[in-house]
Amino acid sequence: MDLEKGRISSCYKHPSFKSEKEVRYIILCTERPYLRVDYKLIGGLIRKVLVLDLGKLCVNENVHFETLFDGIILGPRSKQNEYDLRCFIESLGLKDLAKKITKSKCLPR
């Protein structure tokens, strides 16, 4: 993937999230075996979404799935219980990633 295209999308993040060093990717091309267009009901509205199959991407690019992530950061408004998320991630066989779950230091806006 082209990291420069991903960096462009960082301008869509609120500046208070800078400390998280999160990168959002905007994928401009859908001609890949691991991408598909789908429709989801989001907030009571039908939305067209681009689904990225990370499993297929890893196979295609010969990359281990767990290495795609530096960690998981729970946002300031997240109601997700950290322990339950850790157990869920471990149940998927991603034990190293489960150890990298943290809470955001950003204040809710």
N, C-alpha and C. Protein backbone atom coordinates (compact mmCIF):
# COMPACT_ATOMS: atom_id res chain seq x y z
N MET A 1 0.83 -1.19 0.00
CA MET A 1 0.00 0.00 0.00
C MET A 1 0.87 1.25 0.00
N ASP A 2 0.36 2.27 -0.59
CA ASP A 2 1.09 3.52 -0.69
C ASP A 2 0.87 4.34 0.58
N LEU A 3 1.92 4.47 1.40
CA LEU A 3 1.79 5.18 2.67
C LEU A 3 1.49 6.66 2.48
N GLU A 4 1.95 7.25 1.40
CA GLU A 4 1.68 8.68 1.16
C GLU A 4 0.19 8.94 1.05
N LYS A 5 -0.55 8.07 0.38
CA LYS A 5 -2.00 8.23 0.27
C LYS A 5 -2.63 8.14 1.66
N GLY A 6 -2.10 7.26 2.50
CA GLY A 6 -2.61 7.14 3.86
C GLY A 6 -2.34 8.39 4.68
N ARG A 7 -1.19 9.00 4.48
CA ARG A 7 -0.84 10.20 5.23
C ARG A 7 -1.72 11.39 4.88
N ILE A 8 -2.16 11.45 3.64
CA ILE A 8 -3.04 12.54 3.21
C ILE A 8 -4.29 12.57 4.08
N SER A 9 -4.81 11.40 4.43
CA SER A 9 -6.06 11.34 5.16
C SER A 9 -5.91 11.79 6.61
N SER A 10 -4.69 11.92 7.11
CA SER A 10 -4.52 12.33 8.50
C SER A 10 -5.08 13.73 8.74
N CYS A 11 -5.25 14.51 7.69
CA CYS A 11 -5.82 15.84 7.86
C CYS A 11 -7.29 15.78 8.27
N TYR A 12 -7.92 14.62 8.18
CA TYR A 12 -9.31 14.47 8.57
C TYR A 12 -9.46 14.19 10.07
N LYS A 13 -8.38 13.97 10.75
CA LYS A 13 -8.41 13.70 12.19
C LYS A 13 -8.44 15.02 12.95
N HIS A 14 -9.14 15.05 14.07
CA HIS A 14 -9.12 16.23 14.94
C HIS A 14 -7.73 16.35 15.54
N PRO A 15 -7.16 17.57 15.60
CA PRO A 15 -5.78 17.76 16.10
C PRO A 15 -5.52 17.19 17.50
N SER A 16 -6.54 17.08 18.34
CA SER A 16 -6.33 16.56 19.70
C SER A 16 -5.93 15.09 19.70
N PHE A 17 -6.12 14.40 18.58
CA PHE A 17 -5.77 12.99 18.50
C PHE A 17 -4.34 12.77 18.00
N LYS A 18 -3.58 13.83 17.84
CA LYS A 18 -2.22 13.74 17.33
C LYS A 18 -1.35 12.80 18.16
N SER A 19 -1.55 12.80 19.48
CA SER A 19 -0.73 11.96 20.36
C SER A 19 -0.90 10.47 20.08
N GLU A 20 -2.03 10.09 19.48
CA GLU A 20 -2.26 8.68 19.19
C GLU A 20 -1.47 8.20 17.98
N LYS A 21 -0.97 9.12 17.16
CA LYS A 21 -0.18 8.80 15.97
C LYS A 21 -0.92 7.81 15.06
N GLU A 22 -2.24 7.94 15.01
CA GLU A 22 -3.06 7.07 14.19
C GLU A 22 -2.94 7.46 12.72
N VAL A 23 -2.97 6.47 11.87
CA VAL A 23 -2.97 6.72 10.43
C VAL A 23 -4.27 6.15 9.89
N ARG A 24 -4.97 6.96 9.12
CA ARG A 24 -6.17 6.49 8.43
C ARG A 24 -5.83 6.37 6.96
N TYR A 25 -6.27 5.30 6.37
CA TYR A 25 -6.00 5.09 4.95
C TYR A 25 -7.25 5.37 4.14
N ILE A 26 -7.07 6.11 3.08
CA ILE A 26 -8.12 6.28 2.09
C ILE A 26 -7.65 5.50 0.88
N ILE A 27 -8.38 4.47 0.53
CA ILE A 27 -7.98 3.61 -0.58
C ILE A 27 -8.66 4.11 -1.84
N LEU A 28 -7.86 4.47 -2.82
CA LEU A 28 -8.38 5.08 -4.03
C LEU A 28 -8.67 4.08 -5.14
N CYS A 29 -8.20 2.86 -5.00
CA CYS A 29 -8.37 1.86 -6.06
C CYS A 29 -9.03 0.62 -5.46
N THR A 30 -10.07 0.12 -6.13
CA THR A 30 -10.77 -1.07 -5.63
C THR A 30 -10.46 -2.31 -6.45
N GLU A 31 -9.49 -2.25 -7.33
CA GLU A 31 -9.15 -3.39 -8.17
C GLU A 31 -8.15 -4.30 -7.48
N ARG A 32 -8.50 -4.78 -6.32
CA ARG A 32 -7.65 -5.67 -5.54
C ARG A 32 -8.50 -6.86 -5.06
N PRO A 33 -7.91 -8.04 -4.94
CA PRO A 33 -8.68 -9.21 -4.52
C PRO A 33 -9.16 -9.14 -3.07
N TYR A 34 -8.64 -8.22 -2.28
CA TYR A 34 -9.01 -8.13 -0.87
C TYR A 34 -9.93 -6.94 -0.58
N LEU A 35 -10.45 -6.29 -1.61
CA LEU A 35 -11.37 -5.17 -1.45
C LEU A 35 -12.71 -5.49 -2.10
N ARG A 36 -13.81 -5.07 -1.46
CA ARG A 36 -15.12 -5.21 -2.08
C ARG A 36 -16.04 -4.11 -1.57
N VAL A 37 -16.97 -3.73 -2.41
CA VAL A 37 -17.97 -2.75 -2.03
C VAL A 37 -19.14 -3.49 -1.41
N ASP A 38 -19.70 -2.93 -0.34
CA ASP A 38 -20.84 -3.53 0.34
C ASP A 38 -21.75 -2.41 0.83
N TYR A 39 -22.88 -2.77 1.36
CA TYR A 39 -23.81 -1.80 1.93
C TYR A 39 -24.10 -2.20 3.36
N LYS A 40 -24.05 -1.22 4.28
CA LYS A 40 -24.27 -1.47 5.70
C LYS A 40 -25.30 -0.48 6.23
N LEU A 41 -26.04 -0.90 7.23
CA LEU A 41 -26.95 -0.01 7.93
C LEU A 41 -26.16 0.62 9.08
N ILE A 42 -25.91 1.92 8.98
CA ILE A 42 -25.10 2.63 9.97
C ILE A 42 -25.91 3.82 10.49
N GLY A 43 -26.19 3.82 11.78
CA GLY A 43 -26.96 4.92 12.36
C GLY A 43 -28.32 5.09 11.72
N GLY A 44 -28.94 3.99 11.32
CA GLY A 44 -30.26 4.04 10.72
C GLY A 44 -30.27 4.42 9.24
N LEU A 45 -29.08 4.57 8.63
CA LEU A 45 -28.98 4.93 7.22
C LEU A 45 -28.24 3.85 6.44
N ILE A 46 -28.66 3.59 5.22
CA ILE A 46 -27.93 2.66 4.36
C ILE A 46 -26.74 3.40 3.80
N ARG A 47 -25.54 2.82 4.00
CA ARG A 47 -24.30 3.47 3.56
C ARG A 47 -23.51 2.50 2.69
N LYS A 48 -22.92 3.02 1.64
CA LYS A 48 -22.02 2.25 0.80
C LYS A 48 -20.65 2.26 1.47
N VAL A 49 -20.06 1.09 1.66
CA VAL A 49 -18.77 1.00 2.33
C VAL A 49 -17.81 0.15 1.50
N LEU A 50 -16.54 0.39 1.69
CA LEU A 50 -15.50 -0.41 1.07
C LEU A 50 -14.95 -1.33 2.15
N VAL A 51 -15.08 -2.62 1.94
CA VAL A 51 -14.65 -3.62 2.92
C VAL A 51 -13.25 -4.10 2.54
N LEU A 52 -12.33 -3.99 3.49
CA LEU A 52 -10.95 -4.43 3.29
C LEU A 52 -10.76 -5.73 4.06
N ASP A 53 -10.51 -6.82 3.37
CA ASP A 53 -10.27 -8.12 3.99
C ASP A 53 -8.78 -8.21 4.32
N LEU A 54 -8.45 -7.89 5.58
CA LEU A 54 -7.04 -7.87 5.98
C LEU A 54 -6.40 -9.25 5.92
N GLY A 55 -7.19 -10.29 6.13
CA GLY A 55 -6.66 -11.66 6.02
C GLY A 55 -6.16 -11.94 4.60
N LYS A 56 -6.98 -11.61 3.60
CA LYS A 56 -6.57 -11.80 2.21
C LYS A 56 -5.41 -10.89 1.84
N LEU A 57 -5.44 -9.67 2.35
CA LEU A 57 -4.34 -8.73 2.09
C LEU A 57 -3.02 -9.31 2.58
N CYS A 58 -3.03 -9.86 3.79
CA CYS A 58 -1.80 -10.43 4.36
C CYS A 58 -1.29 -11.60 3.54
N VAL A 59 -2.21 -12.46 3.11
CA VAL A 59 -1.81 -13.59 2.27
C VAL A 59 -1.23 -13.08 0.96
N ASN A 60 -1.91 -12.13 0.36
CA ASN A 60 -1.48 -11.56 -0.93
C ASN A 60 -0.11 -10.88 -0.83
N GLU A 61 0.12 -10.18 0.27
CA GLU A 61 1.36 -9.42 0.42
C GLU A 61 2.41 -10.16 1.25
N ASN A 62 2.10 -11.40 1.67
CA ASN A 62 3.01 -12.22 2.48
C ASN A 62 3.44 -11.50 3.77
N VAL A 63 2.44 -11.03 4.51
CA VAL A 63 2.65 -10.29 5.76
C VAL A 63 1.88 -10.99 6.87
N HIS A 64 2.46 -11.09 8.05
CA HIS A 64 1.75 -11.68 9.20
C HIS A 64 0.74 -10.66 9.72
N PHE A 65 -0.50 -11.10 9.90
CA PHE A 65 -1.61 -10.22 10.28
C PHE A 65 -1.28 -9.34 11.50
N GLU A 66 -0.74 -9.95 12.52
CA GLU A 66 -0.48 -9.23 13.78
C GLU A 66 0.51 -8.08 13.61
N THR A 67 1.37 -8.16 12.60
CA THR A 67 2.37 -7.11 12.40
C THR A 67 1.78 -5.86 11.75
N LEU A 68 0.53 -5.91 11.32
CA LEU A 68 -0.12 -4.74 10.74
C LEU A 68 -0.39 -3.65 11.77
N PHE A 69 -0.42 -4.02 13.05
CA PHE A 69 -0.85 -3.10 14.09
C PHE A 69 0.24 -2.87 15.13
N ASP A 70 0.48 -1.60 15.42
CA ASP A 70 1.39 -1.27 16.53
C ASP A 70 0.67 -1.44 17.86
N GLY A 71 -0.65 -1.36 17.85
CA GLY A 71 -1.44 -1.51 19.05
C GLY A 71 -2.88 -1.12 18.78
N ILE A 72 -3.69 -1.22 19.83
CA ILE A 72 -5.10 -0.82 19.77
C ILE A 72 -5.30 0.23 20.84
N ILE A 73 -5.84 1.38 20.45
CA ILE A 73 -6.08 2.46 21.40
C ILE A 73 -7.59 2.66 21.51
N LEU A 74 -8.10 2.52 22.73
CA LEU A 74 -9.52 2.76 22.97
C LEU A 74 -9.73 4.27 23.08
N GLY A 75 -10.61 4.81 22.27
CA GLY A 75 -10.87 6.24 22.23
C GLY A 75 -11.44 6.77 23.54
N PRO A 76 -11.40 8.09 23.71
CA PRO A 76 -11.82 8.71 24.96
C PRO A 76 -13.30 8.49 25.29
N ARG A 77 -14.13 8.27 24.29
CA ARG A 77 -15.56 8.04 24.54
C ARG A 77 -15.95 6.56 24.45
N SER A 78 -14.97 5.70 24.25
CA SER A 78 -15.26 4.28 24.09
C SER A 78 -15.87 3.71 25.38
N LYS A 79 -16.90 2.92 25.19
CA LYS A 79 -17.53 2.23 26.31
C LYS A 79 -17.04 0.78 26.40
N GLN A 80 -16.09 0.46 25.52
CA GLN A 80 -15.55 -0.90 25.47
C GLN A 80 -14.70 -1.18 26.70
N ASN A 81 -14.99 -2.28 27.37
CA ASN A 81 -14.20 -2.71 28.52
C ASN A 81 -12.87 -3.26 28.01
N GLU A 82 -11.78 -2.72 28.54
CA GLU A 82 -10.44 -3.11 28.08
C GLU A 82 -10.17 -4.60 28.28
N TYR A 83 -10.56 -5.14 29.42
CA TYR A 83 -10.34 -6.56 29.72
C TYR A 83 -11.09 -7.46 28.73
N ASP A 84 -12.37 -7.14 28.46
CA ASP A 84 -13.16 -7.95 27.53
C ASP A 84 -12.57 -7.90 26.13
N LEU A 85 -12.12 -6.73 25.71
CA LEU A 85 -11.50 -6.61 24.39
C LEU A 85 -10.23 -7.44 24.32
N ARG A 86 -9.43 -7.38 25.38
CA ARG A 86 -8.19 -8.16 25.43
C ARG A 86 -8.50 -9.66 25.31
N CYS A 87 -9.50 -10.13 26.04
CA CYS A 87 -9.88 -11.55 25.96
C CYS A 87 -10.36 -11.92 24.56
N PHE A 88 -11.13 -11.03 23.94
CA PHE A 88 -11.62 -11.29 22.58
C PHE A 88 -10.46 -11.37 21.60
N ILE A 89 -9.54 -10.43 21.66
CA ILE A 89 -8.39 -10.43 20.75
C ILE A 89 -7.54 -11.69 20.95
N GLU A 90 -7.36 -12.09 22.20
CA GLU A 90 -6.62 -13.33 22.48
C GLU A 90 -7.35 -14.54 21.90
N SER A 91 -8.70 -14.54 21.97
CA SER A 91 -9.47 -15.67 21.46
C SER A 91 -9.33 -15.82 19.94
N LEU A 92 -8.91 -14.74 19.27
CA LEU A 92 -8.66 -14.79 17.83
C LEU A 92 -7.25 -15.29 17.52
N GLY A 93 -6.49 -15.60 18.58
CA GLY A 93 -5.13 -16.10 18.41
C GLY A 93 -4.10 -14.99 18.26
N LEU A 94 -4.48 -13.76 18.61
CA LEU A 94 -3.59 -12.61 18.46
C LEU A 94 -3.07 -12.18 19.84
N LYS A 95 -2.32 -13.05 20.47
CA LYS A 95 -1.87 -12.83 21.85
C LYS A 95 -0.94 -11.62 22.00
N ASP A 96 -0.04 -11.41 21.04
CA ASP A 96 0.86 -10.26 21.12
C ASP A 96 0.08 -8.95 20.99
N LEU A 97 -0.86 -8.91 20.08
CA LEU A 97 -1.67 -7.70 19.88
C LEU A 97 -2.53 -7.43 21.12
N ALA A 98 -3.03 -8.47 21.75
CA ALA A 98 -3.86 -8.29 22.95
C ALA A 98 -3.10 -7.59 24.07
N LYS A 99 -1.79 -7.72 24.08
CA LYS A 99 -0.96 -7.07 25.10
C LYS A 99 -0.73 -5.59 24.79
N LYS A 100 -1.14 -5.16 23.61
CA LYS A 100 -0.87 -3.78 23.18
C LYS A 100 -2.14 -2.91 23.16
N ILE A 101 -3.07 -3.19 24.05
CA ILE A 101 -4.30 -2.40 24.14
C ILE A 101 -4.10 -1.33 25.20
N THR A 102 -4.35 -0.08 24.84
CA THR A 102 -4.23 1.04 25.78
C THR A 102 -5.44 1.95 25.64
N LYS A 103 -5.59 2.83 26.61
CA LYS A 103 -6.65 3.84 26.56
C LYS A 103 -6.05 5.15 26.06
N SER A 104 -6.84 5.87 25.29
CA SER A 104 -6.40 7.16 24.75
C SER A 104 -6.15 8.14 25.89
N LYS A 105 -5.17 9.00 25.69
CA LYS A 105 -4.88 10.07 26.66
C LYS A 105 -5.61 11.36 26.28
N CYS A 106 -6.30 11.33 25.15
CA CYS A 106 -7.05 12.51 24.69
C CYS A 106 -8.30 12.70 25.55
N LEU A 107 -8.65 13.94 25.76
CA LEU A 107 -9.87 14.25 26.48
C LEU A 107 -11.05 14.20 25.51
N PRO A 108 -12.21 13.71 26.00
CA PRO A 108 -13.38 13.70 25.12
C PRO A 108 -13.74 15.13 24.72
N ARG A 109 -14.13 15.30 23.47
CA ARG A 109 -14.50 16.65 23.06
C ARG A 109 -15.99 16.76 22.91
